[in-house]
Structures are given as C-alpha cells and as structure tokens.
Amino acid sequence: PNRLLLMDRLEQGIKRARRNQSVGAIFFMDLDNFKNINDSLGHPVGDRLIHQVGNRLVAEFREEDTVGRLGGDEFLVLLPDLGENLQQANIKTQELARKIRGCFTSPFIVEGQELFVKPSIGISFFSDNHTSADDLMKQADTAMYQAKAAGGDTFCFYHQDMLDQVNKRVTIEKELREALMHDHLILHYQPQLNVDGVIIGIEALVRWNHPVKGLIPPDEFIYVAEASGLIAPMGIWVLRKACEDFIELSDKVLPEVCRLSLNVSVRQFKDDNFVQEFKNIIK
C-alpha cells in the first residue's frame, strides 16, 4: 500500500479503536544508511533492496496488520487491536519491534551482493483519544528521529517531551536566522596565558544577545545551527568579526606576540569554498 491507502486505513483503525475501546499503534520506519547504498550502487539496486525489505516486513506481521511504503526508504506499519490498555499494547509493540530488528540481521542479496541495512523505528499509540491520523504520523516520525539520534538500529516510543523539544528547536532556528539578519550575535574573548601569566593569545567565543531573553550561551543554540546548516553563515560572521576586533585590540590592549583562536565547524571544513573564503576575510 502507498501513502494514500495507508492514511485511509489509519483513519479506519483510529475509528475502530474508539468504537472498541482498544489500543493500536503505528511504526514509522526509516532504513539507516540506505542513501549510501543508493548513491554508491545506483537506484535500481536501491529499488530491489526496498522490495526485499517490504517482503521481509510483510512476513513478520499478522494478517490484520498493514505494512505500507510512504516513499523512499520510509515504511509505515499499522497495528490495530493490540489490547485493551496501553500496558498490553506496550508489551506487544516492544516484542514486534525486536522481531523487526531481528529480520534485518541477515544480509539482503541484490545482484549477487550482500547488503546490510538496519531500521530506525518510531512508535506512536492510538486509542479512544481524539488524535488525528496526521498527528499520529508526526508523533511516530518524531520518535523515529529520536531513534536515529540514538545511533539507529533501535526503536523509540513517542512522548510529549519529544514534541516539545522539536518545537523548541524550530523556534530557536527561526530566531537564530533573525539574529544573523539583525546582528544580534556578539563575540566574547577569553585570554590564553602562558605559565608566567602573560597573555599570548585570545579565543573568540560567540554569544547570542537575544532582544528578549538576554545573553544566550552557545550550548543552547550551536547544536541547532549545526543541524540546520546555519553554522556556515554564522562561522563566516564570527571569522570576519573576530578579525576586525583583533586588529582593533592589537592596536590598543594586546601584546605584540598574540594569537587569535577560533572554533570552526566540521560542516565548514567540508565546504569547498571555505579555505578561499577564509583567506579573503583574513586578507
């Protein structure tokens, strides 16, 4: 089944759960490292791998369950009638999730090659509450990304804290974009001393001077900048600003022999233009 049919069956499953006062669940599943196989061996190999994964998954579930493909390497499994309460459903879903992981242990043989992929699984429950099919999908998707963040090849259950974290991250990313546009970032400088206590260098440390929340330390926003890609323009801003400040500080307060230290993101190192941009700014 494709996404359209899956959503229809999910809507029916939710109605049946409300009617029967039972608990069901959905598994939102993504294959770890599938992109690497697709990119290195080509889409035809990736398609055949997806086909074999689907066959294995279908073999693991009950007749009343639905295994469908959302697109790409994403699968959704609809599990109705898992029990009368959340505790019963929780036990069954854990058993099924372990069973699914087990069916990925042996390799998939595609065009004579042994290929290994592992699943990251997000799990969300539905019962007689008023959660919509779209909300359930979002919840399971959020839980799946938690599973990926935990290293993959595992499963996570959705809970409200996860959504709160996602919403917090979205807010930070939005406000961080505005901070870059409106020059709300500032640099603090930490002196580096030798054994005699003489300043031999300074390290530039970025801070976010939020117009409402005040000074925000980097551990509260750098991880969002890394994940969203904002770290690249932020890094360039830090480099340019630090060089400008260094010239001014050198003229006024710093000793002649002094170094400027900066933190550079791995994502910046991967940018082909980074070295040239770095040189241009220093020049």
Protein backbone atom coordinates (compact mmCIF):
# COMPACT_ATOMS: atom_id res chain seq x y z
CA PRO A 1 0.00 0.00 0.00
CA ASN A 2 1.13 3.57 -0.70
CA ARG A 3 0.72 6.67 1.49
CA LEU A 4 -2.86 7.36 0.33
CA LEU A 5 -4.14 3.87 1.16
CA LEU A 6 -2.18 3.82 4.42
CA MET A 7 -3.76 7.05 5.61
CA ASP A 8 -7.22 5.70 4.77
CA ARG A 9 -6.58 2.50 6.74
CA LEU A 10 -5.12 4.51 9.62
CA GLU A 11 -8.27 6.65 9.78
CA GLN A 12 -10.36 3.46 9.86
CA GLY A 13 -8.11 1.96 12.55
CA ILE A 14 -8.49 5.05 14.75
CA LYS A 15 -12.29 4.93 14.43
CA ARG A 16 -12.34 1.22 15.27
CA ALA A 17 -10.13 1.80 18.34
CA ARG A 18 -12.53 4.46 19.62
CA ARG A 19 -15.51 2.23 18.96
CA ASN A 20 -13.99 -0.89 20.57
CA GLN A 21 -12.06 0.99 23.27
CA SER A 22 -8.88 -0.78 22.22
CA VAL A 23 -5.31 0.38 21.66
CA GLY A 24 -3.44 0.31 18.36
CA ALA A 25 -0.05 1.57 17.23
CA ILE A 26 1.88 2.70 14.19
CA PHE A 27 5.55 2.06 13.42
CA PHE A 28 7.27 4.76 11.39
CA MET A 29 10.39 3.14 9.99
CA ASP A 30 13.40 4.51 8.13
CA LEU A 31 16.38 2.49 6.88
CA ASP A 32 19.77 3.55 8.24
CA ASN A 33 22.49 4.08 5.60
CA PHE A 34 20.14 3.38 2.68
CA LYS A 35 21.23 6.60 0.98
CA ASN A 36 24.85 5.37 0.89
CA ILE A 37 23.77 2.19 -0.93
CA ASN A 38 21.59 4.16 -3.34
CA ASP A 39 24.35 6.67 -4.11
CA SER A 40 27.16 4.13 -4.50
CA LEU A 41 25.35 1.23 -6.24
CA GLY A 42 22.62 3.10 -8.09
CA HIS A 43 18.84 3.47 -7.84
CA PRO A 44 17.97 0.10 -9.50
CA VAL A 45 19.87 -1.71 -6.73
CA GLY A 46 18.21 0.52 -4.13
CA ASP A 47 14.77 -0.27 -5.58
CA ARG A 48 15.38 -4.02 -5.42
CA LEU A 49 16.61 -3.67 -1.84
CA ILE A 50 13.44 -1.77 -0.88
CA HIS A 51 11.37 -4.54 -2.50
CA GLN A 52 13.14 -7.23 -0.43
CA VAL A 53 12.75 -5.20 2.76
CA GLY A 54 9.00 -4.92 2.10
CA ASN A 55 8.70 -8.69 1.62
CA ARG A 56 10.53 -9.41 4.88
CA LEU A 57 8.38 -6.95 6.82
CA VAL A 58 5.12 -8.39 5.46
CA ALA A 59 6.24 -11.85 6.58
CA GLU A 60 6.71 -10.65 10.18
CA PHE A 61 3.22 -9.27 10.86
CA ARG A 62 -0.34 -10.53 11.37
CA GLU A 63 -2.96 -10.60 8.63
CA GLU A 64 -4.86 -7.70 10.21
CA ASP A 65 -1.72 -5.51 10.22
CA THR A 66 -0.81 -3.28 7.28
CA VAL A 67 2.74 -2.80 6.04
CA GLY A 68 2.98 0.12 3.62
CA ARG A 69 5.60 2.30 1.98
CA LEU A 70 5.43 6.05 2.46
CA GLY A 71 8.11 6.73 -0.14
CA GLY A 72 11.89 6.49 -0.46
CA ASP A 73 13.12 4.18 2.29
CA GLU A 74 10.29 5.01 4.71
CA PHE A 75 7.76 2.37 5.76
CA LEU A 76 4.69 2.59 7.95
CA VAL A 77 3.19 -0.36 9.82
CA LEU A 78 -0.37 -0.11 11.14
CA LEU A 79 -1.07 -2.38 14.11
CA PRO A 80 -4.74 -2.33 15.23
CA ASP A 81 -6.20 -4.06 18.30
CA LEU A 82 -3.08 -4.61 20.39
CA GLY A 83 -5.00 -4.87 23.64
CA GLU A 84 -7.50 -3.19 25.91
CA ASN A 85 -4.98 -0.91 27.60
CA LEU A 86 -1.67 0.82 26.96
CA GLN A 87 0.29 -1.63 29.09
CA GLN A 88 -0.77 -4.63 26.97
CA ALA A 89 -0.13 -2.70 23.76
CA ASN A 90 3.27 -1.57 25.01
CA ILE A 91 4.42 -5.15 25.65
CA LYS A 92 3.25 -6.34 22.23
CA THR A 93 4.83 -3.45 20.35
CA GLN A 94 8.18 -3.98 22.05
CA GLU A 95 8.08 -7.66 21.06
CA LEU A 96 7.22 -6.73 17.46
CA ALA A 97 9.89 -4.02 17.30
CA ARG A 98 12.55 -6.51 18.44
CA LYS A 99 11.24 -9.01 15.92
CA ILE A 100 11.56 -6.44 13.13
CA ARG A 101 15.13 -5.63 14.10
CA GLY A 102 15.85 -9.36 14.06
CA CYS A 103 14.65 -9.73 10.47
CA PHE A 104 17.35 -7.26 9.36
CA THR A 105 20.17 -9.36 10.84
CA SER A 106 20.84 -11.44 7.73
CA PRO A 107 22.04 -9.68 4.55
CA PHE A 108 19.89 -8.80 1.56
CA ILE A 109 21.25 -10.34 -1.65
CA VAL A 110 20.93 -7.94 -4.59
CA GLU A 111 22.67 -8.72 -7.89
CA GLY A 112 24.99 -11.12 -6.11
CA GLN A 113 26.00 -8.58 -3.45
CA GLU A 114 25.38 -8.85 0.28
CA LEU A 115 23.82 -5.63 1.54
CA PHE A 116 23.07 -4.73 5.14
CA VAL A 117 20.59 -2.11 6.31
CA LYS A 118 19.13 -1.51 9.76
CA PRO A 119 15.85 0.13 10.80
CA SER A 120 15.19 3.14 12.99
CA ILE A 121 11.64 2.83 14.32
CA GLY A 122 9.36 5.42 15.89
CA ILE A 123 6.24 4.16 17.67
CA SER A 124 3.03 6.03 18.49
CA PHE A 125 -0.18 4.67 20.06
CA PHE A 126 -3.82 5.45 19.32
CA SER A 127 -6.91 4.54 21.36
CA ASP A 128 -10.15 6.31 22.27
CA ASN A 129 -8.48 9.72 22.37
CA HIS A 130 -9.00 12.29 19.64
CA THR A 131 -5.60 12.16 17.99
CA SER A 132 -5.84 12.54 14.20
CA ALA A 133 -4.05 10.38 11.65
CA ASP A 134 -1.79 13.32 10.72
CA ASP A 135 -0.85 13.92 14.36
CA LEU A 136 -0.08 10.23 14.85
CA MET A 137 2.20 10.28 11.82
CA LYS A 138 4.02 13.34 13.16
CA GLN A 139 4.42 11.72 16.57
CA ALA A 140 5.82 8.48 15.14
CA ASP A 141 8.08 10.46 12.81
CA THR A 142 9.41 12.47 15.77
CA ALA A 143 10.08 9.25 17.70
CA MET A 144 11.84 7.77 14.66
CA TYR A 145 14.25 10.71 14.55
CA GLN A 146 14.94 10.15 18.26
CA ALA A 147 15.85 6.55 17.35
CA LYS A 148 18.19 7.84 14.64
CA ALA A 149 19.74 10.33 17.07
CA ALA A 150 20.38 7.43 19.46
CA GLY A 151 22.56 5.79 16.80
CA GLY A 152 19.97 3.96 14.69
CA ASP A 153 19.06 0.26 14.63
CA THR A 154 16.69 0.79 17.54
CA PHE A 155 13.13 1.89 18.37
CA CYS A 156 11.70 4.77 20.39
CA PHE A 157 8.22 5.44 21.74
CA TYR A 158 6.72 8.87 21.24
CA HIS A 159 6.14 11.03 24.29
CA GLN A 160 5.16 14.69 24.63
CA ASP A 161 8.66 15.80 25.66
CA MET A 162 9.89 14.85 22.17
CA LEU A 163 7.41 17.21 20.52
CA ASP A 164 8.33 19.93 22.99
CA GLN A 165 12.00 19.50 22.00
CA VAL A 166 11.13 19.66 18.30
CA ASN A 167 9.04 22.81 18.81
CA LYS A 168 11.84 24.36 20.86
CA ARG A 169 14.36 23.60 18.13
CA VAL A 170 12.10 25.08 15.42
CA THR A 171 11.73 28.26 17.50
CA ILE A 172 15.48 28.53 18.12
CA GLU A 173 16.23 28.05 14.41
CA LYS A 174 13.72 30.75 13.40
CA GLU A 175 15.05 33.24 15.98
CA LEU A 176 18.66 32.38 15.11
CA ARG A 177 18.04 33.28 11.45
CA GLU A 178 16.68 36.61 12.64
CA ALA A 179 19.72 37.06 14.93
CA LEU A 180 22.05 36.66 11.94
CA MET A 181 19.99 39.12 9.89
CA HIS A 182 19.76 41.75 12.64
CA ASP A 183 23.28 41.38 14.06
CA HIS A 184 22.27 40.00 17.46
CA LEU A 185 25.37 37.81 17.78
CA ILE A 186 28.35 39.11 19.74
CA LEU A 187 31.84 37.82 20.50
CA HIS A 188 33.48 37.48 23.89
CA TYR A 189 37.24 36.97 24.14
CA GLN A 190 38.92 34.60 26.53
CA PRO A 191 42.61 35.28 27.19
CA GLN A 192 45.13 32.46 26.76
CA LEU A 193 48.05 32.69 29.20
CA ASN A 194 51.49 31.11 29.39
CA VAL A 195 52.97 29.66 32.60
CA ASP A 196 54.09 33.14 33.68
CA GLY A 197 50.58 34.52 33.38
CA VAL A 198 51.35 36.58 30.29
CA ILE A 199 48.67 36.84 27.60
CA ILE A 200 49.85 35.04 24.45
CA GLY A 201 46.51 34.71 22.69
CA ILE A 202 42.76 35.18 22.78
CA GLU A 203 39.93 32.82 21.86
CA ALA A 204 36.78 34.18 20.24
CA LEU A 205 33.58 32.80 21.78
CA VAL A 206 30.20 33.50 20.20
CA ARG A 207 27.21 34.58 22.27
CA TRP A 208 23.65 35.38 21.25
CA ASN A 209 22.36 38.70 22.60
CA HIS A 210 18.65 37.91 22.36
CA PRO A 211 16.44 41.03 22.47
CA VAL A 212 14.01 39.40 24.93
CA LYS A 213 15.86 36.51 26.62
CA GLY A 214 19.18 38.32 27.05
CA LEU A 215 22.58 36.65 26.68
CA ILE A 216 22.30 33.04 25.48
CA PRO A 217 25.37 30.73 25.76
CA PRO A 218 26.46 28.60 22.75
CA ASP A 219 25.44 25.25 24.24
CA GLU A 220 21.82 26.38 23.81
CA PHE A 221 21.99 27.22 20.10
CA ILE A 222 25.12 25.85 18.38
CA TYR A 223 23.58 22.35 18.05
CA VAL A 224 20.62 23.88 16.18
CA ALA A 225 22.96 25.89 13.98
CA GLU A 226 24.87 22.69 13.13
CA ALA A 227 21.73 20.68 12.36
CA SER A 228 20.08 23.42 10.28
CA GLY A 229 23.15 24.47 8.30
CA LEU A 230 23.15 27.97 9.85
CA ILE A 231 26.58 27.18 11.28
CA ALA A 232 28.18 28.08 7.91
CA PRO A 233 26.99 31.73 7.68
CA MET A 234 27.43 32.06 11.45
CA GLY A 235 31.02 30.78 11.19
CA ILE A 236 31.84 33.28 8.45
CA TRP A 237 30.33 36.10 10.52
CA VAL A 238 32.43 35.03 13.54
CA LEU A 239 35.61 34.90 11.44
CA ARG A 240 35.07 38.35 9.91
CA LYS A 241 34.05 39.98 13.20
CA ALA A 242 36.93 38.35 15.10
CA CYS A 243 39.47 39.61 12.55
CA GLU A 244 38.06 43.15 12.78
CA ASP A 245 38.15 43.05 16.60
CA PHE A 246 41.65 41.57 16.61
CA ILE A 247 43.03 44.50 14.61
CA GLU A 248 41.43 46.99 17.00
CA LEU A 249 42.52 45.08 20.12
CA SER A 250 46.07 44.68 18.80
CA ASP A 251 46.38 48.44 18.42
CA LYS A 252 45.14 49.14 21.95
CA VAL A 253 45.46 46.39 24.55
CA LEU A 254 47.11 43.21 23.26
CA PRO A 255 50.85 42.46 23.37
CA GLU A 256 52.77 42.30 20.09
CA VAL A 257 53.03 38.49 20.08
CA CYS A 258 49.42 37.39 20.28
CA ARG A 259 47.32 34.73 18.55
CA LEU A 260 43.64 34.67 17.66
CA SER A 261 41.91 31.30 18.09
CA LEU A 262 38.56 30.39 16.54
CA ASN A 263 36.30 27.36 16.64
CA VAL A 264 35.43 26.06 13.16
CA SER A 265 32.61 23.62 12.46
CA VAL A 266 33.19 20.35 10.64
CA ARG A 267 30.48 21.45 8.23
CA GLN A 268 32.60 24.47 7.29
CA PHE A 269 35.64 22.26 6.61
CA LYS A 270 33.52 20.22 4.20
CA ASP A 271 32.62 23.33 2.18
CA ASP A 272 34.82 23.53 -0.94
CA ASN A 273 34.88 27.34 -0.76
CA PHE A 274 35.82 27.56 2.92
CA VAL A 275 39.61 27.92 2.56
CA GLN A 276 39.36 30.61 -0.10
CA GLU A 277 36.70 32.47 1.88
CA PHE A 278 38.90 32.22 4.97
CA LYS A 279 41.86 33.67 3.04
CA ASN A 280 39.76 36.51 1.61
CA ILE A 281 38.49 37.55 5.03
CA ILE A 282 41.98 37.49 6.59
CA LYS A 283 43.34 39.48 3.66
